[in-house]
C-alpha atoms as a PDB file:
ATOM      1  CA  MET A   1     -34.746-114.377  -4.013  1.00  0.00           C
ATOM      2  CA  THR A   2     -36.898-113.935  -1.044  1.00  0.00           C
ATOM      3  CA  THR A   3     -40.161-115.629  -0.841  1.00  0.00           C
ATOM      4  CA  PRO A   4     -43.289-113.692  -0.085  1.00  0.00           C
ATOM      5  CA  THR A   5     -43.585-115.494   3.241  1.00  0.00           C
ATOM      6  CA  ALA A   6     -40.073-114.488   4.262  1.00  0.00           C
ATOM      7  CA  LYS A   7     -40.729-110.928   3.155  1.00  0.00           C
ATOM      8  CA  LEU A   8     -43.993-110.877   5.134  1.00  0.00           C
ATOM      9  CA  THR A   9     -42.219-112.248   8.197  1.00  0.00           C
ATOM     10  CA  SER A  10     -39.530-109.605   7.853  1.00  0.00           C
ATOM     11  CA  LEU A  11     -42.127-106.839   7.511  1.00  0.00           C
ATOM     12  CA  GLN A  12     -44.024-108.166  10.536  1.00  0.00           C
ATOM     13  CA  ALA A  13     -40.815-108.165  12.568  1.00  0.00           C
ATOM     14  CA  ASP A  14     -40.121-104.581  11.447  1.00  0.00           C
ATOM     15  CA  LEU A  15     -43.694-103.621  12.321  1.00  0.00           C
ATOM     16  CA  ASN A  16     -43.416-105.196  15.769  1.00  0.00           C
ATOM     17  CA  GLU A  17     -40.103-103.415  16.373  1.00  0.00           C
ATOM     18  CA  THR A  18     -41.628-100.124  15.259  1.00  0.00           C
ATOM     19  CA  ARG A  19     -44.604-100.679  17.576  1.00  0.00           C
ATOM     20  CA  ARG A  20     -42.281-101.397  20.517  1.00  0.00           C
ATOM     21  CA  THR A  21     -40.278 -98.267  19.702  1.00  0.00           C
ATOM     22  CA  LEU A  22     -43.485 -96.237  19.470  1.00  0.00           C
ATOM     23  CA  ALA A  23     -44.707 -97.627  22.811  1.00  0.00           C
ATOM     24  CA  ASP A  24     -41.340 -96.815  24.411  1.00  0.00           C
ATOM     25  CA  GLN A  25     -41.473 -93.295  22.991  1.00  0.00           C
ATOM     26  CA  ASN A  26     -45.049 -92.849  24.244  1.00  0.00           C
ATOM     27  CA  ASP A  27     -43.975 -93.999  27.718  1.00  0.00           C
ATOM     28  CA  LEU A  28     -41.019 -91.626  27.632  1.00  0.00           C
ATOM     29  CA  ASN A  29     -43.282 -88.795  26.455  1.00  0.00           C
ATOM     30  CA  ALA A  30     -45.748 -89.443  29.288  1.00  0.00           C
ATOM     31  CA  LEU A  31     -42.904 -89.494  31.821  1.00  0.00           C
ATOM     32  CA  THR A  32     -41.500 -86.240  30.434  1.00  0.00           C
ATOM     33  CA  GLU A  33     -44.923 -84.585  30.584  1.00  0.00           C
ATOM     34  CA  SER A  34     -45.436 -85.647  34.198  1.00  0.00           C
ATOM     35  CA  LYS A  35     -41.984 -84.290  35.111  1.00  0.00           C
ATOM     36  CA  LEU A  36     -42.824 -81.047  33.316  1.00  0.00           C
ATOM     37  CA  ILE A  37     -46.072 -80.720  35.267  1.00  0.00           C
ATOM     38  CA  GLU A  38     -44.266 -81.443  38.536  1.00  0.00           C
ATOM     39  CA  SER A  39     -41.546 -78.906  37.719  1.00  0.00           C
ATOM     40  CA  THR A  40     -44.151 -76.292  36.808  1.00  0.00           C
ATOM     41  CA  GLU A  41     -45.930 -76.844  40.124  1.00  0.00           C
ATOM     42  CA  GLN A  42     -42.644 -76.536  42.006  1.00  0.00           C
ATOM     43  CA  LEU A  43     -41.861 -73.321  40.145  1.00  0.00           C
ATOM     44  CA  GLU A  44     -45.268 -71.888  41.027  1.00  0.00           C
ATOM     45  CA  MET A  45     -44.750 -72.790  44.682  1.00  0.00           C
ATOM     46  CA  ALA A  46     -41.296 -71.173  44.648  1.00  0.00           C
ATOM     47  CA  MET A  47     -42.743 -68.020  43.093  1.00  0.00           C
ATOM     48  CA  LEU A  48     -45.451 -67.882  45.777  1.00  0.00           C
ATOM     49  CA  ASP A  49     -42.832 -68.367  48.482  1.00  0.00           C
ATOM     50  CA  LYS A  50     -40.766 -65.550  46.967  1.00  0.00           C
ATOM     51  CA  GLU A  51     -43.772 -63.212  46.854  1.00  0.00           C
ATOM     52  CA  MET A  52     -44.564 -63.970  50.491  1.00  0.00           C
ATOM     53  CA  ALA A  53     -40.930 -63.405  51.460  1.00  0.00           C
ATOM     54  CA  ASP A  54     -40.922 -60.091  49.579  1.00  0.00           C
ATOM     55  CA  GLU A  55     -44.062 -58.992  51.409  1.00  0.00           C
ATOM     56  CA  ARG A  56     -42.555 -59.971  54.762  1.00  0.00           C
ATOM     57  CA  ALA A  57     -39.362 -58.096  53.872  1.00  0.00           C
ATOM     58  CA  GLU A  58     -41.329 -54.971  52.958  1.00  0.00           C
ATOM     59  CA  ALA A  59     -43.282 -55.189  56.212  1.00  0.00           C
ATOM     60  CA  ALA A  60     -40.058 -55.630  58.181  1.00  0.00           C
ATOM     61  CA  GLU A  61     -38.490 -52.637  56.420  1.00  0.00           C
ATOM     62  CA  ALA A  62     -41.547 -50.500  57.175  1.00  0.00           C
ATOM     63  CA  GLU A  63     -41.451 -51.606  60.805  1.00  0.00           C
ATOM     64  CA  ALA A  64     -37.730 -50.843  61.008  1.00  0.00           C
ATOM     65  CA  GLU A  65     -38.320 -47.389  59.542  1.00  0.00           C
ATOM     66  CA  ALA A  66     -41.114 -46.737  62.035  1.00  0.00           C
ATOM     67  CA  MET A  67     -38.855 -47.831  64.872  1.00  0.00           C
ATOM     68  CA  LYS A  68     -36.080 -45.539  63.616  1.00  0.00           C
ATOM     69  CA  GLU A  69     -38.521 -42.634  63.596  1.00  0.00           C
ATOM     70  CA  GLN A  70     -39.736 -43.523  67.065  1.00  0.00           C
ATOM     71  CA  LEU A  71     -36.129 -43.745  68.260  1.00  0.00           C
ATOM     72  CA  ALA A  72     -35.379 -40.313  66.795  1.00  0.00           C
ATOM     73  CA  VAL A  73     -38.406 -38.830  68.563  1.00  0.00           C
ATOM     74  CA  LEU A  74     -37.392 -40.444  71.847  1.00  0.00           C
ATOM     75  CA  GLU A  75     -33.823 -39.161  71.445  1.00  0.00           C
ATOM     76  CA  VAL A  76     -35.148 -35.637  70.902  1.00  0.00           C
ATOM     77  CA  GLU A  77     -37.399 -35.955  73.926  1.00  0.00           C
ATOM     78  CA  LEU A  78     -34.479 -37.263  75.998  1.00  0.00           C
ATOM     79  CA  ASN A  79     -32.295 -34.346  74.922  1.00  0.00           C
ATOM     80  CA  VAL A  80     -35.072 -31.895  75.798  1.00  0.00           C
ATOM     81  CA  LEU A  81     -35.484 -33.480  79.226  1.00  0.00           C
ATOM     82  CA  ARG A  82     -31.726 -33.415  79.815  1.00  0.00           C
ATOM     83  CA  THR A  83     -31.602 -29.774  78.793  1.00  0.00           C
ATOM     84  CA  GLU A  84     -34.493 -28.944  81.104  1.00  0.00           C
ATOM     85  CA  ARG A  85     -32.818 -30.768  83.979  1.00  0.00           C
ATOM     86  CA  GLU A  86     -29.480 -29.041  83.380  1.00  0.00           C
ATOM     87  CA  GLU A  87     -31.176 -25.640  83.208  1.00  0.00           C
ATOM     88  CA  GLY A  88     -33.109 -26.453  86.368  1.00  0.00           C
ATOM     89  CA  GLU A  89     -29.883 -27.415  88.147  1.00  0.00           C
ATOM     90  CA  ARG A  90     -28.183 -24.206  86.979  1.00  0.00           C
ATOM     91  CA  ASP A  91     -31.078 -22.088  88.157  1.00  0.00           C
ATOM     92  CA  GLY A  92     -30.945 -23.678  91.582  1.00  0.00           C
ATOM     93  CA  GLY A  93     -33.952 -25.871  91.154  1.00  0.00           C
ATOM     94  CA  GLU A  94     -36.209 -23.111  89.901  1.00  0.00           C
ATOM     95  CA  GLY A  95     -36.962 -24.143  86.337  1.00  0.00           C
ATOM     96  CA  ASP A  96     -37.203 -21.403  83.768  1.00  0.00           C
ATOM     97  CA  ALA A  97     -40.804 -21.667  82.624  1.00  0.00           C
ATOM     98  CA  GLU A  98     -40.076 -19.882  79.371  1.00  0.00           C
ATOM     99  CA  ALA A  99     -37.200 -22.254  78.501  1.00  0.00           C
ATOM    100  CA  ASN A 100     -39.394 -25.253  79.327  1.00  0.00           C
ATOM    101  CA  ASP A 101     -42.168 -23.932  77.106  1.00  0.00           C
ATOM    102  CA  GLN A 102     -39.658 -23.280  74.312  1.00  0.00           C
ATOM    103  CA  ALA A 103     -38.270 -26.832  74.615  1.00  0.00           C
ATOM    104  CA  ARG A 104     -41.760 -28.341  74.565  1.00  0.00           C
ATOM    105  CA  LYS A 105     -42.705 -26.263  71.521  1.00  0.00           C
ATOM    106  CA  SER A 106     -39.551 -27.330  69.682  1.00  0.00           C
ATOM    107  CA  LEU A 107     -40.297 -30.971  70.498  1.00  0.00           C
ATOM    108  CA  ALA A 108     -43.873 -30.593  69.300  1.00  0.00           C
ATOM    109  CA  TYR A 109     -42.634 -28.915  66.114  1.00  0.00           C
ATOM    110  CA  ILE A 110     -40.173 -31.736  65.413  1.00  0.00           C
ATOM    111  CA  GLN A 111     -42.860 -34.339  66.014  1.00  0.00           C
ATOM    112  CA  LEU A 112     -45.244 -32.466  63.714  1.00  0.00           C
ATOM    113  CA  GLU A 113     -42.592 -32.323  60.977  1.00  0.00           C
ATOM    114  CA  ARG A 114     -41.960 -36.072  61.262  1.00  0.00           C
ATOM    115  CA  HIS A 115     -45.687 -36.752  61.142  1.00  0.00           C
ATOM    116  CA  ASN A 116     -45.987 -34.630  58.002  1.00  0.00           C
ATOM    117  CA  GLU A 117     -43.072 -36.515  56.401  1.00  0.00           C
ATOM    118  CA  ARG A 118     -44.768 -39.837  57.105  1.00  0.00           C
ATOM    119  CA  MET A 119     -48.008 -38.559  55.612  1.00  0.00           C
ATOM    120  CA  LYS A 120     -46.216 -37.398  52.463  1.00  0.00           C
ATOM    121  CA  GLU A 121     -44.530 -40.808  52.114  1.00  0.00           C
ATOM    122  CA  ALA A 122     -47.876 -42.559  52.564  1.00  0.00           C
ATOM    123  CA  LEU A 123     -49.465 -40.380  49.886  1.00  0.00           C
ATOM    124  CA  MET A 124     -46.603 -41.069  47.475  1.00  0.00           C
ATOM    125  CA  ARG A 125     -47.091 -44.826  47.855  1.00  0.00           C
END
């Protein structure tokens, strides 16, 4: 038979062990919560970085598209100038005023069409 003193000692030892376990669990819980907070902050920072990268990518794509359009306009202008020069050389240096006017009008028409396309795209956005 166990004496009440021995039983009390045993219960106190169990209580102390339980308290140590509880303290260890509380410490572990606090550590886990701090890691969770840190991870959440890192996730938020990564999401912000991604949003900024997406915005930069969209801006770069828009700039690339604008440059492509500008290149197309310049290519058309170059072709018109080449055509005018070739016609001028064929005519012996006397440029055909009507052909030049026609080329300029076609260039202006192409530029106007491109401008209208850009306006439509801007309205759709």
